[in-house]
C-alpha atoms as a PDB file:
ATOM      1  CA  UNK A   1      -6.344 -82.935   2.057  1.00  0.00           C
ATOM      2  CA  UNK A   2      -4.911 -83.442   5.370  1.00  0.00           C
ATOM      3  CA  UNK A   3      -4.510 -80.730   7.925  1.00  0.00           C
ATOM      4  CA  UNK A   4      -0.712 -81.022   7.804  1.00  0.00           C
ATOM      5  CA  UNK A   5      -0.539 -80.244   4.104  1.00  0.00           C
ATOM      6  CA  UNK A   6       0.026 -76.630   3.141  1.00  0.00           C
ATOM      7  CA  UNK A   7      -2.675 -74.920   1.173  1.00  0.00           C
ATOM      8  CA  UNK A   8      -2.335 -74.393  -2.485  1.00  0.00           C
ATOM      9  CA  UNK A   9      -1.206 -70.895  -3.556  1.00  0.00           C
ATOM     10  CA  UNK A  10      -3.807 -70.864  -6.330  1.00  0.00           C
ATOM     11  CA  UNK A  11      -6.588 -70.828  -3.794  1.00  0.00           C
ATOM     12  CA  UNK A  12      -5.220 -67.636  -2.170  1.00  0.00           C
ATOM     13  CA  UNK A  13      -4.913 -65.709  -5.432  1.00  0.00           C
ATOM     14  CA  UNK A  14      -8.447 -66.526  -6.478  1.00  0.00           C
ATOM     15  CA  UNK A  15      -9.795 -64.395  -3.639  1.00  0.00           C
ATOM     16  CA  UNK A  16      -7.859 -61.267  -4.787  1.00  0.00           C
ATOM     17  CA  UNK A  17      -8.935 -59.525  -7.975  1.00  0.00           C
ATOM     18  CA  UNK A  18      -6.175 -59.297 -10.547  1.00  0.00           C
ATOM     19  CA  UNK A  19      -4.392 -55.927 -10.728  1.00  0.00           C
ATOM     20  CA  UNK A  20      -4.549 -54.186 -14.083  1.00  0.00           C
ATOM     21  CA  UNK A  21      -1.299 -53.659 -15.921  1.00  0.00           C
ATOM     22  CA  UNK A  22      -0.726 -49.901 -16.437  1.00  0.00           C
ATOM     23  CA  UNK A  23       0.886 -50.510 -19.819  1.00  0.00           C
ATOM     24  CA  UNK A  24      -2.149 -52.337 -21.177  1.00  0.00           C
ATOM     25  CA  UNK A  25      -4.805 -50.261 -19.419  1.00  0.00           C
ATOM     26  CA  UNK A  26      -6.891 -48.225 -21.835  1.00  0.00           C
ATOM     27  CA  UNK A  27      -7.544 -44.555 -21.161  1.00  0.00           C
ATOM     28  CA  UNK A  28     -10.791 -42.819 -22.109  1.00  0.00           C
ATOM     29  CA  UNK A  29     -10.772 -40.959 -25.403  1.00  0.00           C
ATOM     30  CA  UNK A  30      -9.216 -37.484 -25.208  1.00  0.00           C
ATOM     31  CA  UNK A  31      -7.832 -38.074 -21.722  1.00  0.00           C
ATOM     32  CA  UNK A  32      -4.156 -38.636 -21.371  1.00  0.00           C
ATOM     33  CA  UNK A  33      -2.548 -40.177 -18.355  1.00  0.00           C
ATOM     34  CA  UNK A  34      -1.085 -37.647 -15.950  1.00  0.00           C
ATOM     35  CA  UNK A  35       2.651 -37.485 -16.541  1.00  0.00           C
ATOM     36  CA  UNK A  36       5.027 -38.004 -13.683  1.00  0.00           C
ATOM     37  CA  UNK A  37       6.482 -34.662 -12.523  1.00  0.00           C
ATOM     38  CA  UNK A  38      10.063 -34.294 -13.623  1.00  0.00           C
ATOM     39  CA  UNK A  39      12.620 -32.388 -11.594  1.00  0.00           C
ATOM     40  CA  UNK A  40      12.641 -29.630 -14.231  1.00  0.00           C
ATOM     41  CA  UNK A  41       8.864 -29.192 -14.137  1.00  0.00           C
ATOM     42  CA  UNK A  42       8.892 -29.049 -10.339  1.00  0.00           C
ATOM     43  CA  UNK A  43      11.682 -26.471 -10.418  1.00  0.00           C
ATOM     44  CA  UNK A  44       9.725 -24.428 -12.961  1.00  0.00           C
ATOM     45  CA  UNK A  45       6.630 -24.556 -10.761  1.00  0.00           C
ATOM     46  CA  UNK A  46       8.666 -23.374  -7.760  1.00  0.00           C
ATOM     47  CA  UNK A  47      10.168 -20.540  -9.838  1.00  0.00           C
ATOM     48  CA  UNK A  48       6.702 -19.383 -10.872  1.00  0.00           C
ATOM     49  CA  UNK A  49       5.524 -19.455  -7.243  1.00  0.00           C
ATOM     50  CA  UNK A  50       8.658 -17.574  -6.166  1.00  0.00           C
ATOM     51  CA  UNK A  51       8.136 -14.898  -8.817  1.00  0.00           C
ATOM     52  CA  UNK A  52       4.498 -14.456  -7.781  1.00  0.00           C
ATOM     53  CA  UNK A  53       5.538 -14.119  -4.141  1.00  0.00           C
ATOM     54  CA  UNK A  54       8.191 -11.552  -5.058  1.00  0.00           C
ATOM     55  CA  UNK A  55       5.712  -9.521  -7.097  1.00  0.00           C
ATOM     56  CA  UNK A  56       3.219  -9.577  -4.222  1.00  0.00           C
ATOM     57  CA  UNK A  57       5.952  -8.552  -1.767  1.00  0.00           C
ATOM     58  CA  UNK A  58       7.016  -5.648  -3.987  1.00  0.00           C
ATOM     59  CA  UNK A  59       3.416  -4.458  -4.377  1.00  0.00           C
ATOM     60  CA  UNK A  60       2.883  -4.549  -0.608  1.00  0.00           C
ATOM     61  CA  UNK A  61       6.155  -2.694   0.012  1.00  0.00           C
ATOM     62  CA  UNK A  62       5.063   0.000  -2.440  1.00  0.00           C
ATOM     63  CA  UNK A  63       1.692   0.356  -0.699  1.00  0.00           C
ATOM     64  CA  UNK A  64       3.405   0.633   2.684  1.00  0.00           C
ATOM     65  CA  UNK A  65       5.753   3.330   1.377  1.00  0.00           C
ATOM     66  CA  UNK A  66       2.722   5.270   0.111  1.00  0.00           C
ATOM     67  CA  UNK A  67       1.016   5.016   3.489  1.00  0.00           C
ATOM     68  CA  UNK A  68       4.168   6.178   5.277  1.00  0.00           C
ATOM     69  CA  UNK A  69       4.584   9.100   2.867  1.00  0.00           C
ATOM     70  CA  UNK A  70       0.992  10.249   3.428  1.00  0.00           C
ATOM     71  CA  UNK A  71       1.452   9.974   7.186  1.00  0.00           C
ATOM     72  CA  UNK A  72       4.625  12.088   6.986  1.00  0.00           C
ATOM     73  CA  UNK A  73       2.847  14.676   4.846  1.00  0.00           C
ATOM     74  CA  UNK A  74       0.041  14.875   7.407  1.00  0.00           C
ATOM     75  CA  UNK A  75       2.604  15.636  10.122  1.00  0.00           C
ATOM     76  CA  UNK A  76       4.251  18.504   8.189  1.00  0.00           C
ATOM     77  CA  UNK A  77       0.988  19.924   6.797  1.00  0.00           C
ATOM     78  CA  UNK A  78       0.999  22.661   9.453  1.00  0.00           C
ATOM     79  CA  UNK A  79       4.565  23.735   8.593  1.00  0.00           C
ATOM     80  CA  UNK A  80       4.732  23.495   4.795  1.00  0.00           C
ATOM     81  CA  UNK A  81       2.216  25.015   2.410  1.00  0.00           C
ATOM     82  CA  UNK A  82       2.545  21.978   0.109  1.00  0.00           C
ATOM     83  CA  UNK A  83       3.686  18.985   2.206  1.00  0.00           C
ATOM     84  CA  UNK A  84       5.034  17.172  -0.865  1.00  0.00           C
ATOM     85  CA  UNK A  85       7.719  19.865  -1.171  1.00  0.00           C
ATOM     86  CA  UNK A  86       9.685  18.062   1.536  1.00  0.00           C
ATOM     87  CA  UNK A  87      10.300  15.202  -0.930  1.00  0.00           C
ATOM     88  CA  UNK A  88      10.398  17.115  -4.215  1.00  0.00           C
ATOM     89  CA  UNK A  89      12.267  20.280  -3.232  1.00  0.00           C
ATOM     90  CA  UNK A  90      14.004  19.148  -0.062  1.00  0.00           C
ATOM     91  CA  UNK A  91      15.077  15.792  -1.512  1.00  0.00           C
ATOM     92  CA  UNK A  92      14.208  13.965   1.705  1.00  0.00           C
ATOM     93  CA  UNK A  93      13.562  10.221   1.837  1.00  0.00           C
ATOM     94  CA  UNK A  94      10.546   8.775   3.650  1.00  0.00           C
ATOM     95  CA  UNK A  95      12.619   5.927   5.077  1.00  0.00           C
ATOM     96  CA  UNK A  96      14.853   8.436   6.889  1.00  0.00           C
ATOM     97  CA  UNK A  97      11.916   9.511   9.062  1.00  0.00           C
ATOM     98  CA  UNK A  98      10.584   6.033   9.901  1.00  0.00           C
ATOM     99  CA  UNK A  99      11.640   4.089  12.969  1.00  0.00           C
ATOM    100  CA  UNK A 100      12.553   0.398  12.893  1.00  0.00           C
ATOM    101  CA  UNK A 101       8.971  -0.571  13.711  1.00  0.00           C
ATOM    102  CA  UNK A 102       7.603   1.555  10.831  1.00  0.00           C
ATOM    103  CA  UNK A 103       6.253   4.460  12.872  1.00  0.00           C
ATOM    104  CA  UNK A 104       7.024   8.044  11.895  1.00  0.00           C
ATOM    105  CA  UNK A 105       9.568  10.000  13.939  1.00  0.00           C
ATOM    106  CA  UNK A 106       7.674  13.285  14.168  1.00  0.00           C
ATOM    107  CA  UNK A 107      10.469  15.248  15.869  1.00  0.00           C
ATOM    108  CA  UNK A 108      12.966  14.624  13.060  1.00  0.00           C
ATOM    109  CA  UNK A 109      10.295  15.179  10.431  1.00  0.00           C
ATOM    110  CA  UNK A 110       9.203  18.540  11.840  1.00  0.00           C
ATOM    111  CA  UNK A 111      12.862  19.547  12.207  1.00  0.00           C
ATOM    112  CA  UNK A 112      13.534  18.771   8.540  1.00  0.00           C
ATOM    113  CA  UNK A 113      10.433  20.715   7.483  1.00  0.00           C
ATOM    114  CA  UNK A 114      11.465  23.700   9.616  1.00  0.00           C
ATOM    115  CA  UNK A 115      14.980  23.614   8.130  1.00  0.00           C
ATOM    116  CA  UNK A 116      13.487  23.608   4.632  1.00  0.00           C
ATOM    117  CA  UNK A 117      11.307  26.614   5.500  1.00  0.00           C
ATOM    118  CA  UNK A 118      14.371  28.419   6.886  1.00  0.00           C
ATOM    119  CA  UNK A 119      16.199  27.849   3.579  1.00  0.00           C
ATOM    120  CA  UNK A 120      13.178  28.726   1.428  1.00  0.00           C
ATOM    121  CA  UNK A 121      10.649  30.790   3.388  1.00  0.00           C
ATOM    122  CA  UNK A 122       8.015  30.802   0.654  1.00  0.00           C
ATOM    123  CA  UNK A 123       7.583  27.034   1.026  1.00  0.00           C
ATOM    124  CA  UNK A 124       6.131  27.528   4.503  1.00  0.00           C
ATOM    125  CA  UNK A 125       2.515  28.159   5.347  1.00  0.00           C
ATOM    126  CA  UNK A 126       1.733  31.844   4.911  1.00  0.00           C
ATOM    127  CA  UNK A 127       1.111  33.716   8.134  1.00  0.00           C
ATOM    128  CA  UNK A 128      -2.463  34.906   8.238  1.00  0.00           C
ATOM    129  CA  UNK A 129      -2.773  38.683   8.289  1.00  0.00           C
ATOM    130  CA  UNK A 130      -4.908  40.534  10.774  1.00  0.00           C
ATOM    131  CA  UNK A 131      -8.567  39.740  10.427  1.00  0.00           C
ATOM    132  CA  UNK A 132     -10.991  42.601  10.072  1.00  0.00           C
ATOM    133  CA  UNK A 133     -14.580  41.566  10.464  1.00  0.00           C
ATOM    134  CA  UNK A 134     -15.993  44.769   9.015  1.00  0.00           C
ATOM    135  CA  UNK A 135     -14.766  46.758  11.957  1.00  0.00           C
ATOM    136  CA  UNK A 136     -12.103  49.362  11.607  1.00  0.00           C
ATOM    137  CA  UNK A 137     -10.947  52.319  13.565  1.00  0.00           C
ATOM    138  CA  UNK A 138     -11.082  54.873  10.763  1.00  0.00           C
ATOM    139  CA  UNK A 139     -13.484  57.790  11.107  1.00  0.00           C
ATOM    140  CA  UNK A 140     -16.663  57.791   9.121  1.00  0.00           C
ATOM    141  CA  UNK A 141     -16.475  60.396   6.364  1.00  0.00           C
ATOM    142  CA  UNK A 142     -18.637  63.453   6.903  1.00  0.00           C
ATOM    143  CA  UNK A 143     -20.018  64.659  10.165  1.00  0.00           C
ATOM    144  CA  UNK A 144     -21.375  61.254  11.075  1.00  0.00           C
ATOM    145  CA  UNK A 145     -24.982  62.384  10.821  1.00  0.00           C
ATOM    146  CA  UNK A 146     -26.402  60.592   7.829  1.00  0.00           C
ATOM    147  CA  UNK A 147     -30.173  60.446   7.614  1.00  0.00           C
ATOM    148  CA  UNK A 148     -32.762  58.831   5.404  1.00  0.00           C
ATOM    149  CA  UNK A 149     -33.217  62.036   3.491  1.00  0.00           C
ATOM    150  CA  UNK A 150     -29.562  61.810   2.365  1.00  0.00           C
ATOM    151  CA  UNK A 151     -30.024  58.239   1.181  1.00  0.00           C
ATOM    152  CA  UNK A 152     -33.370  58.690  -0.598  1.00  0.00           C
ATOM    153  CA  UNK A 153     -32.849  62.180  -1.981  1.00  0.00           C
ATOM    154  CA  UNK A 154     -34.018  62.481  -5.613  1.00  0.00           C
ATOM    155  CA  UNK A 155     -31.201  64.516  -6.871  1.00  0.00           C
END
């Protein structure tokens, strides 16, 4: 060989290992080659992911609505005897009392509770009556001179 002669292509291919042909390559027993994803299978996978995301979103929205309802009921607990009456009897909606950022508008909520109590007074908290702690202004019966002989008398 002279330096001006090109090298033989056979010498270059001997250095590289031959690539296996996928059609003739044997797979282990029980294992099947992974199929190429088809557009339909990819679309089905995306639909499943979308449905899971929607279900998770709906569950979180339901939890948030429950938290907002309990917060609203805590605000009107001093006005209504049963705070849930605002929703059940008054027909109010929790979303009507929430601001855009999700906080409760207490002024509107207390106003709605007060309006409900005005329409149906028995839904409100009962006013506590006067408290008597064993003290009263009535006169003691008798002359007021009770002695031990009156308490222990045998007859």
